[in-house]
Protein backbone atom coordinates (compact mmCIF):
# COMPACT_ATOMS: atom_id res chain seq x y z
CA UNK A 1 70.44 164.74 205.47
CA UNK A 2 73.47 166.60 204.19
CA UNK A 3 74.40 169.82 205.93
CA UNK A 4 72.74 172.21 203.28
CA UNK A 5 69.44 169.79 202.28
CA UNK A 6 67.03 167.40 203.93
CA UNK A 7 64.15 165.20 202.29
CA UNK A 8 61.18 164.18 203.59
CA UNK A 9 57.77 162.31 202.23
CA UNK A 10 54.57 164.18 201.82
CA UNK A 11 54.24 167.37 203.97
CA UNK A 12 50.64 168.76 204.66
CA UNK A 13 50.00 172.87 205.72
CA UNK A 14 50.31 172.13 209.14
CA UNK A 15 53.48 171.00 209.19
CA UNK A 16 55.17 174.25 208.42
CA UNK A 17 56.00 175.29 211.78
CA UNK A 18 57.81 172.13 212.50
CA UNK A 19 59.77 172.70 209.09
CA UNK A 20 60.80 176.32 210.38
CA UNK A 21 61.43 174.62 213.87
CA UNK A 22 63.85 172.10 212.24
CA UNK A 23 65.99 175.32 210.77
CA UNK A 24 65.04 174.87 207.03
CA UNK A 25 64.83 178.01 205.43
CA UNK A 26 63.34 176.85 201.92
CA UNK A 27 61.50 174.00 200.64
CA UNK A 28 61.09 172.12 197.21
CA UNK A 29 57.75 170.39 196.42
CA UNK A 30 58.76 167.67 194.02
CA UNK A 31 55.24 166.19 193.72
CA UNK A 32 52.98 166.69 191.20
CA UNK A 33 49.49 168.16 191.99
CA UNK A 34 46.66 165.54 192.58
CA UNK A 35 49.33 162.57 192.27
CA UNK A 36 47.93 160.63 195.32
CA UNK A 37 44.39 162.23 194.91
CA UNK A 38 42.22 164.56 196.31
CA UNK A 39 43.37 164.40 199.99
CA UNK A 40 46.74 165.55 198.59
CA UNK A 41 47.28 169.01 199.30
CA UNK A 42 47.74 171.39 196.35
CA UNK A 43 50.96 173.11 195.83
CA UNK A 44 48.97 176.55 196.34
CA UNK A 45 47.81 175.17 199.91
CA UNK A 46 51.53 174.64 200.97
CA UNK A 47 52.95 177.61 199.52
CA UNK A 48 50.52 179.80 201.10
CA UNK A 49 51.60 177.53 204.52
CA UNK A 50 55.05 177.83 204.04
CA UNK A 51 55.42 181.59 202.73
CA UNK A 52 52.95 182.36 206.59
CA UNK A 53 55.74 181.19 208.52
CA UNK A 54 58.83 182.44 206.11
CA UNK A 55 59.95 179.80 204.25
CA UNK A 56 60.82 180.07 200.48
CA UNK A 57 59.06 177.81 198.58
CA UNK A 58 59.47 176.45 194.95
CA UNK A 59 57.35 173.95 193.57
CA UNK A 60 59.10 171.73 190.79
CA UNK A 61 56.87 168.49 190.12
CA UNK A 62 59.03 165.70 188.90
CA UNK A 63 56.97 162.47 187.60
CA UNK A 64 58.51 159.44 189.32
CA UNK A 65 61.12 157.31 187.36
CA UNK A 66 60.93 159.82 184.80
CA UNK A 67 63.81 162.72 186.16
CA UNK A 68 65.29 164.34 182.86
CA UNK A 69 68.33 166.44 182.26
CA UNK A 70 66.08 169.35 182.52
CA UNK A 71 64.63 168.54 185.97
CA UNK A 72 67.79 167.98 187.16
CA UNK A 73 69.37 171.57 186.06
CA UNK A 74 65.89 173.38 186.96
CA UNK A 75 66.92 171.74 190.24
CA UNK A 76 70.29 172.59 190.30
CA UNK A 77 69.32 176.34 189.35
CA UNK A 78 66.90 176.45 192.58
CA UNK A 79 69.19 174.47 195.06
CA UNK A 80 72.08 177.32 194.27
CA UNK A 81 69.87 180.23 194.48
CA UNK A 82 67.30 179.43 197.39
CA UNK A 83 68.37 180.07 201.30
CA UNK A 84 69.56 177.17 203.30
CA UNK A 85 68.97 174.65 204.74
CA UNK A 86 66.59 173.46 201.92
CA UNK A 87 63.80 170.77 202.57
CA UNK A 88 62.84 168.70 199.71
CA UNK A 89 59.31 166.35 199.59
CA UNK A 90 57.74 164.14 197.55
CA UNK A 91 55.37 161.21 198.12
CA UNK A 92 58.35 159.14 199.93
CA UNK A 93 61.40 161.51 199.72
CA UNK A 94 63.28 159.12 197.08
CA UNK A 95 62.70 161.54 193.85
CA UNK A 96 63.85 164.19 195.57
CA UNK A 97 66.87 162.57 196.90
CA UNK A 98 67.20 161.13 193.53
CA UNK A 99 66.99 164.70 191.96
CA UNK A 100 69.95 166.04 194.46
CA UNK A 101 72.07 163.03 193.91
CA UNK A 102 72.04 163.43 190.09
CA UNK A 103 72.69 167.30 190.40
CA UNK A 104 75.54 166.77 192.62
CA UNK A 105 76.98 163.90 190.33
CA UNK A 106 76.92 166.32 187.82
CA UNK A 107 78.90 168.83 190.03
CA UNK A 108 76.07 171.13 189.37
CA UNK A 109 75.83 172.70 193.06
CA UNK A 110 77.57 175.01 194.45
CA UNK A 111 78.44 173.45 198.09
C-alpha cells in the first residue's frame, strides 16, 4: 500500500466497519457485478454499506485483462477527487493495483 491507496480482494458489506477502522475514507470497486456469480455482493449493496459508515464509494467496473486507456483516465479522475486514503478492490486486488500503477506511470495522479 502506498500512503494514499490500498488494494484488496472482494469486500462484503460486513467489512465496511473494518475499512473505516483502518482509516480509509473512500472505496473504489473495480469488480463488475456478478463476475463471481450470485454470491458476490452487488455494487448497490456495497455502496449502501459504505455510505452508512461514512465512506465515499465509486463503482468503476473493469474487466480483467482488458484495462483500457479510458479506464485508467477515469480511475485517475476518481483518485484525484476522492478523499484519501482510498481502498480499491476487485476479485484479488490485482486489477485495482494495475489501474493504479498504469495511472502512476502515465503521470495522471496528483500525489
